C-alpha atoms as a PDB file:
ATOM      1  CA  MET A   1     109.578 110.950 148.725  1.00  0.00           C
ATOM      2  CA  GLU A   2     111.096 112.649 145.954  1.00  0.00           C
ATOM      3  CA  GLY A   3     112.662 110.348 143.105  1.00  0.00           C
ATOM      4  CA  VAL A   4     109.822 107.747 143.658  1.00  0.00           C
ATOM      5  CA  PRO A   5     106.866 107.705 141.150  1.00  0.00           C
ATOM      6  CA  PRO A   6     103.614 107.724 142.773  1.00  0.00           C
ATOM      7  CA  GLU A   7     101.629 104.722 142.751  1.00  0.00           C
ATOM      8  CA  THR A   8      98.957 105.174 141.271  1.00  0.00           C
ATOM      9  CA  LEU A   9     101.006 106.321 138.320  1.00  0.00           C
ATOM     10  CA  VAL A  10     103.014 102.722 138.120  1.00  0.00           C
ATOM     11  CA  SER A  11      99.744 101.298 137.963  1.00  0.00           C
ATOM     12  CA  VAL A  12      98.279 102.953 135.010  1.00  0.00           C
ATOM     13  CA  VAL A  13     101.532 102.841 132.790  1.00  0.00           C
ATOM     14  CA  ARG A  14     101.619  98.903 133.729  1.00  0.00           C
ATOM     15  CA  GLY A  15      97.788  98.608 132.761  1.00  0.00           C
ATOM     16  CA  GLN A  16      98.712 100.600 129.436  1.00  0.00           C
ATOM     17  CA  LEU A  17     101.901  98.134 128.452  1.00  0.00           C
ATOM     18  CA  LEU A  18      99.900  95.290 129.665  1.00  0.00           C
ATOM     19  CA  ARG A  19      96.556  95.784 127.008  1.00  0.00           C
ATOM     20  CA  PRO A  20      96.826  92.814 124.913  1.00  0.00           C
ATOM     21  CA  ARG A  21      98.294  93.709 121.721  1.00  0.00           C
ATOM     22  CA  ALA A  22      96.802  92.137 117.911  1.00  0.00           C
ATOM     23  CA  LEU A  23     100.075  92.395 115.443  1.00  0.00           C
ATOM     24  CA  SER A  24      98.842  93.548 112.068  1.00  0.00           C
ATOM     25  CA  VAL A  25     100.104  91.852 108.744  1.00  0.00           C
ATOM     26  CA  ARG A  26     102.007  94.771 107.490  1.00  0.00           C
ATOM     27  CA  VAL A  27     103.799  95.358 111.900  1.00  0.00           C
ATOM     28  CA  ALA A  28     104.253  90.838 111.195  1.00  0.00           C
ATOM     29  CA  GLY A  29     105.628  91.100 108.030  1.00  0.00           C
ATOM     30  CA  ALA A  30     108.065  93.914 109.482  1.00  0.00           C
ATOM     31  CA  VAL A  31     108.848  91.607 111.514  1.00  0.00           C
ATOM     32  CA  SER A  32     109.211  88.370 110.092  1.00  0.00           C
ATOM     33  CA  GLY A  33     111.125  89.972 107.531  1.00  0.00           C
ATOM     34  CA  MET A  34     113.296  91.866 110.141  1.00  0.00           C
ATOM     35  CA  LEU A  35     114.232  88.846 112.065  1.00  0.00           C
ATOM     36  CA  GLY A  36     113.920  85.965 109.250  1.00  0.00           C
ATOM     37  CA  VAL A  37     110.996  83.715 111.058  1.00  0.00           C
ATOM     38  CA  ASP A  38     108.389  82.391 109.523  1.00  0.00           C
ATOM     39  CA  ASP A  39     105.902  83.250 112.116  1.00  0.00           C
ATOM     40  CA  PRO A  40     106.584  86.700 113.468  1.00  0.00           C
ATOM     41  CA  LEU A  41     105.790  85.887 116.994  1.00  0.00           C
ATOM     42  CA  ASP A  42     108.305  83.005 116.871  1.00  0.00           C
ATOM     43  CA  GLY A  43     111.064  86.062 116.663  1.00  0.00           C
ATOM     44  CA  LEU A  44     109.370  88.101 119.693  1.00  0.00           C
ATOM     45  CA  SER A  45     110.367  85.247 122.370  1.00  0.00           C
ATOM     46  CA  LEU A  46     112.733  86.578 125.133  1.00  0.00           C
ATOM     47  CA  GLU A  47     115.802  84.737 123.627  1.00  0.00           C
ATOM     48  CA  VAL A  48     115.361  86.458 120.452  1.00  0.00           C
ATOM     49  CA  LEU A  49     115.029  89.525 121.727  1.00  0.00           C
ATOM     50  CA  ALA A  50     117.795  89.278 124.339  1.00  0.00           C
ATOM     51  CA  GLY A  51     119.919  88.590 121.460  1.00  0.00           C
ATOM     52  CA  ARG A  52     119.637  92.106 119.271  1.00  0.00           C
ATOM     53  CA  GLU A  53     120.581  95.611 119.732  1.00  0.00           C
ATOM     54  CA  PRO A  54     118.253  97.746 121.505  1.00  0.00           C
ATOM     55  CA  PHE A  55     117.557  99.910 118.446  1.00  0.00           C
ATOM     56  CA  GLU A  56     116.643  96.766 116.828  1.00  0.00           C
ATOM     57  CA  VAL A  57     113.931  95.612 119.539  1.00  0.00           C
ATOM     58  CA  GLU A  58     112.735  99.388 119.314  1.00  0.00           C
ATOM     59  CA  LEU A  59     112.160  99.412 115.994  1.00  0.00           C
ATOM     60  CA  LEU A  60     110.530  95.935 115.578  1.00  0.00           C
ATOM     61  CA  LEU A  61     108.225  96.614 118.848  1.00  0.00           C
ATOM     62  CA  SER A  62     107.155 100.282 118.503  1.00  0.00           C
ATOM     63  CA  PRO A  63     103.845  99.771 116.344  1.00  0.00           C
ATOM     64  CA  LEU A  64     102.965  98.258 119.017  1.00  0.00           C
ATOM     65  CA  PHE A  65     103.961 100.358 122.199  1.00  0.00           C
ATOM     66  CA  THR A  66     103.520 103.501 121.544  1.00  0.00           C
ATOM     67  CA  PRO A  67     101.033 106.039 123.580  1.00  0.00           C
ATOM     68  CA  ASN A  68      97.817 107.404 122.656  1.00  0.00           C
ATOM     69  CA  VAL A  69      96.396 110.347 123.569  1.00  0.00           C
ATOM     70  CA  LEU A  70      94.309 108.738 125.527  1.00  0.00           C
ATOM     71  CA  ASP A  71      96.775 107.341 127.012  1.00  0.00           C
ATOM     72  CA  ARG A  72      98.288 110.606 127.732  1.00  0.00           C
ATOM     73  CA  GLU A  73      95.247 111.564 129.293  1.00  0.00           C
ATOM     74  CA  ALA A  74      95.094 108.583 131.710  1.00  0.00           C
ATOM     75  CA  CYS A  75      97.799 109.539 133.131  1.00  0.00           C
ATOM     76  CA  GLU A  76      96.831 113.528 133.732  1.00  0.00           C
ATOM     77  CA  PHE A  77      95.171 113.080 136.848  1.00  0.00           C
ATOM     78  CA  ALA A  78      99.112 112.218 139.192  1.00  0.00           C
ATOM     79  CA  LEU A  79     100.752 114.895 137.625  1.00  0.00           C
ATOM     80  CA  PRO A  80     101.376 117.902 139.033  1.00  0.00           C
ATOM     81  CA  ALA A  81     100.425 120.946 136.560  1.00  0.00           C
ATOM     82  CA  SER A  82     105.322 121.376 136.609  1.00  0.00           C
ATOM     83  CA  GLY A  83     104.939 118.318 135.030  1.00  0.00           C
ATOM     84  CA  LEU A  84     107.469 114.982 136.961  1.00  0.00           C
ATOM     85  CA  ALA A  85     110.724 115.911 137.774  1.00  0.00           C
ATOM     86  CA  VAL A  86     112.963 113.887 134.999  1.00  0.00           C
ATOM     87  CA  GLY A  87     114.474 111.855 138.441  1.00  0.00           C
ATOM     88  CA  VAL A  88     110.839 110.322 138.829  1.00  0.00           C
ATOM     89  CA  VAL A  89     110.850 109.620 135.224  1.00  0.00           C
ATOM     90  CA  GLU A  90     113.359 107.403 135.384  1.00  0.00           C
ATOM     91  CA  ALA A  91     112.537 105.714 138.287  1.00  0.00           C
ATOM     92  CA  LEU A  92     109.729 105.041 137.056  1.00  0.00           C
ATOM     93  CA  VAL A  93     111.581 103.184 134.172  1.00  0.00           C
ATOM     94  CA  MET A  94     113.174 101.389 135.920  1.00  0.00           C
ATOM     95  CA  THR A  95     110.255 100.386 138.305  1.00  0.00           C
ATOM     96  CA  LEU A  96     108.414  99.179 135.217  1.00  0.00           C
ATOM     97  CA  THR A  97     111.861  97.164 133.458  1.00  0.00           C
ATOM     98  CA  SER A  98     112.616  95.662 136.853  1.00  0.00           C
ATOM     99  CA  ALA A  99     109.052  94.039 136.816  1.00  0.00           C
ATOM    100  CA  GLU A 100     109.769  91.827 134.554  1.00  0.00           C
ATOM    101  CA  LEU A 101     106.891  92.479 132.514  1.00  0.00           C
ATOM    102  CA  PHE A 102     105.339  90.317 129.534  1.00  0.00           C
ATOM    103  CA  CYS A 103     102.958  91.803 127.260  1.00  0.00           C
ATOM    104  CA  PRO A 104      99.827  88.941 125.543  1.00  0.00           C
ATOM    105  CA  VAL A 105     100.517  89.635 121.725  1.00  0.00           C
ATOM    106  CA  SER A 106      98.242  87.690 118.927  1.00  0.00           C
ATOM    107  CA  TYR A 107      98.534  86.615 115.797  1.00  0.00           C
ATOM    108  CA  GLY A 108      95.709  85.236 113.977  1.00  0.00           C
ATOM    109  CA  HIS A 109      94.746  82.055 116.006  1.00  0.00           C
ATOM    110  CA  ARG A 110      97.868  81.910 117.828  1.00  0.00           C
ATOM    111  CA  GLY A 111      99.154  84.592 121.173  1.00  0.00           C
ATOM    112  CA  GLN A 112     101.982  84.893 122.965  1.00  0.00           C
ATOM    113  CA  ALA A 113     103.746  86.608 126.234  1.00  0.00           C
ATOM    114  CA  VAL A 114     105.848  88.817 124.332  1.00  0.00           C
ATOM    115  CA  PRO A 115     108.656  90.771 127.074  1.00  0.00           C
ATOM    116  CA  LEU A 116     109.000  94.053 127.240  1.00  0.00           C
ATOM    117  CA  LEU A 117     112.682  94.982 127.877  1.00  0.00           C
ATOM    118  CA  GLY A 118     114.136  98.259 129.002  1.00  0.00           C
ATOM    119  CA  VAL A 119     114.304 100.226 125.415  1.00  0.00           C
ATOM    120  CA  VAL A 120     110.643  99.434 125.021  1.00  0.00           C
ATOM    121  CA  ILE A 121     109.637 100.644 128.421  1.00  0.00           C
ATOM    122  CA  GLU A 122     112.060 103.767 127.942  1.00  0.00           C
ATOM    123  CA  ARG A 123     110.541 105.261 124.912  1.00  0.00           C
ATOM    124  CA  TYR A 124     106.716 104.455 125.889  1.00  0.00           C
ATOM    125  CA  VAL A 125     106.850 106.549 128.790  1.00  0.00           C
ATOM    126  CA  ARG A 126     108.832 109.326 127.217  1.00  0.00           C
ATOM    127  CA  LEU A 127     106.194 109.455 124.361  1.00  0.00           C
ATOM    128  CA  LEU A 128     103.646 109.988 127.464  1.00  0.00           C
ATOM    129  CA  HIS A 129     105.614 113.758 127.696  1.00  0.00           C
ATOM    130  CA  LEU A 130     105.290 113.168 132.048  1.00  0.00           C
ATOM    131  CA  GLU A 131     107.217 116.047 132.488  1.00  0.00           C
ATOM    132  CA  ALA A 132     105.879 118.166 130.344  1.00  0.00           C
ATOM    133  CA  PRO A 133     104.719 121.358 131.841  1.00  0.00           C
ATOM    134  CA  VAL A 134     100.956 123.358 131.168  1.00  0.00           C
ATOM    135  CA  PRO A 135     102.707 126.606 129.848  1.00  0.00           C
ATOM    136  CA  PRO A 136     102.754 128.751 132.664  1.00  0.00           C
ATOM    137  CA  LEU A 137     101.305 131.066 130.864  1.00  0.00           C
ATOM    138  CA  VAL A 138      97.851 129.105 130.030  1.00  0.00           C
ATOM    139  CA  LEU A 139      97.318 127.701 133.491  1.00  0.00           C
ATOM    140  CA  PRO A 140      95.352 130.165 134.740  1.00  0.00           C
ATOM    141  CA  ARG A 141      93.042 130.263 131.817  1.00  0.00           C
ATOM    142  CA  LEU A 142      92.887 126.206 132.517  1.00  0.00           C
ATOM    143  CA  GLU A 143      91.866 126.392 136.234  1.00  0.00           C
ATOM    144  CA  GLY A 144      89.115 128.797 135.571  1.00  0.00           C
ATOM    145  CA  TRP A 145      88.034 126.336 132.762  1.00  0.00           C
ATOM    146  CA  GLN A 146      85.264 123.413 133.997  1.00  0.00           C
ATOM    147  CA  GLU A 147      85.786 120.872 136.659  1.00  0.00           C
ATOM    148  CA  GLY A 148      86.098 117.168 136.324  1.00  0.00           C
ATOM    149  CA  ASP A 149      87.491 114.970 133.552  1.00  0.00           C
ATOM    150  CA  ALA A 150      87.535 118.213 131.076  1.00  0.00           C
ATOM    151  CA  ARG A 151      90.113 119.865 133.106  1.00  0.00           C
ATOM    152  CA  LEU A 152      92.025 117.265 133.081  1.00  0.00           C
ATOM    153  CA  VAL A 153      91.692 116.686 129.079  1.00  0.00           C
ATOM    154  CA  LEU A 154      92.805 120.044 128.797  1.00  0.00           C
ATOM    155  CA  PHE A 155      95.896 119.998 130.943  1.00  0.00           C
ATOM    156  CA  SER A 156      96.843 116.929 128.475  1.00  0.00           C
ATOM    157  CA  LEU A 157      96.413 118.723 126.035  1.00  0.00           C
ATOM    158  CA  ALA A 158      98.340 121.903 127.089  1.00  0.00           C
ATOM    159  CA  ARG A 159     101.575 119.855 127.352  1.00  0.00           C
ATOM    160  CA  ARG A 160     101.688 118.475 124.474  1.00  0.00           C
ATOM    161  CA  PRO A 161     105.079 119.713 122.826  1.00  0.00           C
ATOM    162  CA  VAL A 162     103.232 121.814 120.226  1.00  0.00           C
ATOM    163  CA  TRP A 163     102.391 124.022 123.082  1.00  0.00           C
ATOM    164  CA  GLN A 164     105.739 124.102 124.611  1.00  0.00           C
ATOM    165  CA  SER A 165     107.344 127.437 123.643  1.00  0.00           C
ATOM    166  CA  GLU A 166     106.937 130.739 124.193  1.00  0.00           C
ATOM    167  CA  GLN A 167     104.492 132.476 121.086  1.00  0.00           C
ATOM    168  CA  ARG A 168     103.173 129.078 120.852  1.00  0.00           C
ATOM    169  CA  SER A 169     101.430 129.782 124.876  1.00  0.00           C
ATOM    170  CA  ARG A 170     100.904 133.116 123.920  1.00  0.00           C
ATOM    171  CA  LEU A 171      98.732 131.424 121.071  1.00  0.00           C
ATOM    172  CA  LEU A 172      97.183 128.996 123.246  1.00  0.00           C
ATOM    173  CA  ASP A 173      96.385 131.801 125.501  1.00  0.00           C
ATOM    174  CA  ARG A 174      94.760 133.975 122.913  1.00  0.00           C
ATOM    175  CA  LEU A 175      92.215 131.167 121.767  1.00  0.00           C
ATOM    176  CA  LEU A 176      91.426 130.109 125.768  1.00  0.00           C
ATOM    177  CA  GLN A 177      91.229 134.132 126.840  1.00  0.00           C
ATOM    178  CA  ALA A 178      88.794 134.647 123.810  1.00  0.00           C
ATOM    179  CA  MET A 179      86.841 131.402 124.437  1.00  0.00           C
ATOM    180  CA  LEU A 180      86.304 131.897 128.467  1.00  0.00           C
ATOM    181  CA  ALA A 181      85.194 135.531 127.037  1.00  0.00           C
ATOM    182  CA  ARG A 182      82.475 134.216 124.864  1.00  0.00           C
ATOM    183  CA  GLY A 183      81.370 131.400 126.908  1.00  0.00           C
ATOM    184  CA  SER A 184      82.361 129.054 124.037  1.00  0.00           C
ATOM    185  CA  CYS A 185      84.738 127.007 126.165  1.00  0.00           C
ATOM    186  CA  GLN A 186      84.844 123.066 124.442  1.00  0.00           C
ATOM    187  CA  VAL A 187      87.307 120.710 124.438  1.00  0.00           C
ATOM    188  CA  ASP A 188      86.630 119.240 121.412  1.00  0.00           C
ATOM    189  CA  LYS A 189      87.702 122.750 120.034  1.00  0.00           C
ATOM    190  CA  VAL A 190      91.038 122.687 121.879  1.00  0.00           C
ATOM    191  CA  ARG A 191      91.268 119.021 120.829  1.00  0.00           C
ATOM    192  CA  PHE A 192      91.103 120.267 117.317  1.00  0.00           C
ATOM    193  CA  LEU A 193      93.190 123.279 117.760  1.00  0.00           C
ATOM    194  CA  THR A 194      95.822 121.024 118.827  1.00  0.00           C
ATOM    195  CA  ASP A 195      96.151 119.105 115.997  1.00  0.00           C
ATOM    196  CA  PHE A 196      95.801 121.641 113.820  1.00  0.00           C
ATOM    197  CA  VAL A 197      98.591 124.101 114.802  1.00  0.00           C
ATOM    198  CA  ALA A 198     100.490 120.410 115.688  1.00  0.00           C
ATOM    199  CA  SER A 199     100.079 120.734 112.169  1.00  0.00           C
ATOM    200  CA  TYR A 200     100.474 123.463 109.718  1.00  0.00           C
ATOM    201  CA  ARG A 201     102.695 125.130 112.515  1.00  0.00           C
ATOM    202  CA  PRO A 202     101.653 128.511 112.498  1.00  0.00           C
ATOM    203  CA  THR A 203     103.427 130.907 114.990  1.00  0.00           C
ATOM    204  CA  GLY A 204     101.301 133.486 115.579  1.00  0.00           C
ATOM    205  CA  GLU A 205      97.431 134.539 115.355  1.00  0.00           C
ATOM    206  CA  ARG A 206      97.749 135.796 112.066  1.00  0.00           C
ATOM    207  CA  GLU A 207      99.119 132.784 110.440  1.00  0.00           C
ATOM    208  CA  LEU A 208      96.592 130.891 112.231  1.00  0.00           C
ATOM    209  CA  LEU A 209      93.792 132.718 111.025  1.00  0.00           C
ATOM    210  CA  GLN A 210      94.901 132.453 107.867  1.00  0.00           C
ATOM    211  CA  ALA A 211      95.220 129.159 107.730  1.00  0.00           C
ATOM    212  CA  LEU A 212      91.551 128.177 109.224  1.00  0.00           C
ATOM    213  CA  THR A 213      90.376 130.856 106.782  1.00  0.00           C
ATOM    214  CA  ASN A 214      92.123 128.498 104.032  1.00  0.00           C
ATOM    215  CA  LEU A 215      90.664 125.408 105.265  1.00  0.00           C
ATOM    216  CA  VAL A 216      87.140 126.988 105.414  1.00  0.00           C
ATOM    217  CA  ASP A 217      87.906 128.092 101.725  1.00  0.00           C
ATOM    218  CA  ALA A 218      89.109 124.614 100.688  1.00  0.00           C
ATOM    219  CA  TYR A 219      86.614 122.695 102.104  1.00  0.00           C
ATOM    220  CA  HIS A 220      84.030 124.885 100.390  1.00  0.00           C
ATOM    221  CA  ARG A 221      85.572 124.501  96.848  1.00  0.00           C
ATOM    222  CA  ASP A 222      85.523 121.011  97.348  1.00  0.00           C
ATOM    223  CA  HIS A 223      83.044 119.516  99.077  1.00  0.00           C
ATOM    224  CA  GLU A 224      81.868 116.873  96.469  1.00  0.00           C
ATOM    225  CA  HIS A 225      84.959 115.265  96.833  1.00  0.00           C
ATOM    226  CA  PRO A 226      85.988 112.802  98.515  1.00  0.00           C
ATOM    227  CA  ILE A 227      89.505 114.593  99.540  1.00  0.00           C
ATOM    228  CA  TYR A 228      89.005 118.407  99.933  1.00  0.00           C
ATOM    229  CA  ASN A 229      91.809 119.455  99.183  1.00  0.00           C
ATOM    230  CA  GLN A 230      95.074 117.593  97.776  1.00  0.00           C
ATOM    231  CA  GLN A 231      98.134 120.205  99.087  1.00  0.00           C
ATOM    232  CA  LEU A 232      96.408 120.501 102.825  1.00  0.00           C
ATOM    233  CA  GLU A 233      95.522 116.862 102.936  1.00  0.00           C
ATOM    234  CA  HIS A 234      99.208 116.530 102.243  1.00  0.00           C
ATOM    235  CA  TYR A 235     100.091 118.610 105.223  1.00  0.00           C
ATOM    236  CA  GLN A 236      97.987 117.664 107.791  1.00  0.00           C
ATOM    237  CA  GLY A 237      98.891 115.164 110.373  1.00  0.00           C
ATOM    238  CA  GLY A 238      97.426 113.340 113.366  1.00  0.00           C
ATOM    239  CA  ASN A 239      94.350 113.582 114.354  1.00  0.00           C
ATOM    240  CA  ILE A 240      93.230 115.853 111.122  1.00  0.00           C
ATOM    241  CA  ARG A 241      94.507 113.626 108.409  1.00  0.00           C
ATOM    242  CA  SER A 242      92.095 111.069 107.123  1.00  0.00           C
ATOM    243  CA  SER A 243      92.503 108.231 104.227  1.00  0.00           C
ATOM    244  CA  SER A 244      88.829 108.895 103.271  1.00  0.00           C
ATOM    245  CA  CYS A 245      87.973 112.210 104.764  1.00  0.00           C
ATOM    246  CA  GLY A 246      84.295 111.283 104.177  1.00  0.00           C
ATOM    247  CA  ALA A 247      81.226 113.765 105.053  1.00  0.00           C
ATOM    248  CA  ASP A 248      81.036 114.177 108.624  1.00  0.00           C
ATOM    249  CA  VAL A 249      84.711 113.598 108.772  1.00  0.00           C
ATOM    250  CA  ARG A 250      84.803 116.988 106.849  1.00  0.00           C
ATOM    251  CA  ALA A 251      81.562 118.989 108.915  1.00  0.00           C
ATOM    252  CA  TYR A 252      83.476 118.129 111.885  1.00  0.00           C
ATOM    253  CA  ARG A 253      86.282 120.147 110.469  1.00  0.00           C
ATOM    254  CA  LEU A 254      84.723 122.942 108.857  1.00  0.00           C
ATOM    255  CA  ALA A 255      82.624 123.005 112.285  1.00  0.00           C
ATOM    256  CA  MET A 256      85.714 123.396 114.453  1.00  0.00           C
ATOM    257  CA  ALA A 257      87.697 125.626 112.039  1.00  0.00           C
ATOM    258  CA  HIS A 258      84.280 128.011 111.903  1.00  0.00           C
ATOM    259  CA  ALA A 259      83.691 128.191 115.503  1.00  0.00           C
ATOM    260  CA  LEU A 260      87.527 128.915 116.022  1.00  0.00           C
ATOM    261  CA  LEU A 261      87.189 131.528 113.986  1.00  0.00           C
ATOM    262  CA  VAL A 262      84.287 133.025 115.262  1.00  0.00           C
ATOM    263  CA  ASP A 263      85.931 132.623 118.442  1.00  0.00           C
ATOM    264  CA  LEU A 264      88.680 135.542 117.356  1.00  0.00           C
ATOM    265  CA  ASP A 265      86.249 137.439 115.628  1.00  0.00           C
ATOM    266  CA  HIS A 266      87.300 136.625 112.299  1.00  0.00           C
ATOM    267  CA  ALA A 267      83.903 134.494 111.228  1.00  0.00           C
ATOM    268  CA  PRO A 268      83.974 133.897 107.434  1.00  0.00           C
ATOM    269  CA  ALA A 269      81.126 135.026 105.423  1.00  0.00           C
ATOM    270  CA  ARG A 270      80.300 131.915 104.495  1.00  0.00           C
ATOM    271  CA  THR A 271      78.391 129.004 107.064  1.00  0.00           C
ATOM    272  CA  SER A 272      79.049 125.835 107.604  1.00  0.00           C
ATOM    273  CA  GLY A 273      76.081 123.960 105.500  1.00  0.00           C
ATOM    274  CA  ALA A 274      77.148 123.396 102.317  1.00  0.00           C
ATOM    275  CA  ALA A 275      79.712 121.123 103.609  1.00  0.00           C
ATOM    276  CA  SER A 276      77.176 118.584 104.334  1.00  0.00           C
ATOM    277  CA  ARG A 277      76.152 118.730 100.618  1.00  0.00           C
END
């Protein structure tokens, strides 16, 4: 029935919203400061939150209720390749809001049931990108990939905003085509590529090759330092960035970048061994 969200999807998103959370010291301090309370949990009661402006509630609770990559992937089984219709997404928000949900939130040794007001649920569902399509150009490539959970993860990655433009979908199609031709299909590579492109924003293959080559060269130059390159670190984000950038992280990034360059017949002369020294 059009306009009605799948029951399985409602159950998944509801479970995500009701997953117990713990306030960090930073978030607790922000809540206490904004609401003028000694204990942040006192400010997260229904009475207090209902009296605040919606934007304030969203700001207060956004650190606790922002979906991550795994949350998005968990919804994939219930989504058509074209994404959910806007009306179905709106109905999902209404269904969850009308359920009057309370999420267990703890701080220290104390816990409290925090109300999930409509503004919080709407933001969470919006950030799941349930209406985003798998770009039609890459759909045949992904459907030819391996079965099971891997395909669901790839579909979820392809729905990310970074791949929604025509230029970027062509770039993703080029990489998928190269991987399939070489028999080098790996979900980790597509995940790394997605985060890398979201950080560096190359519009085409030439820019991507240059960015990947720069990354490899920077690691080789600075492999003995905790952070390989301050300028590159500044522009990286999401799963690409790390506060410590330890040896294992550097080795992983270098291996992924090198593998993508090989897929594009643009392997650098150096090997990845230097990164682990």
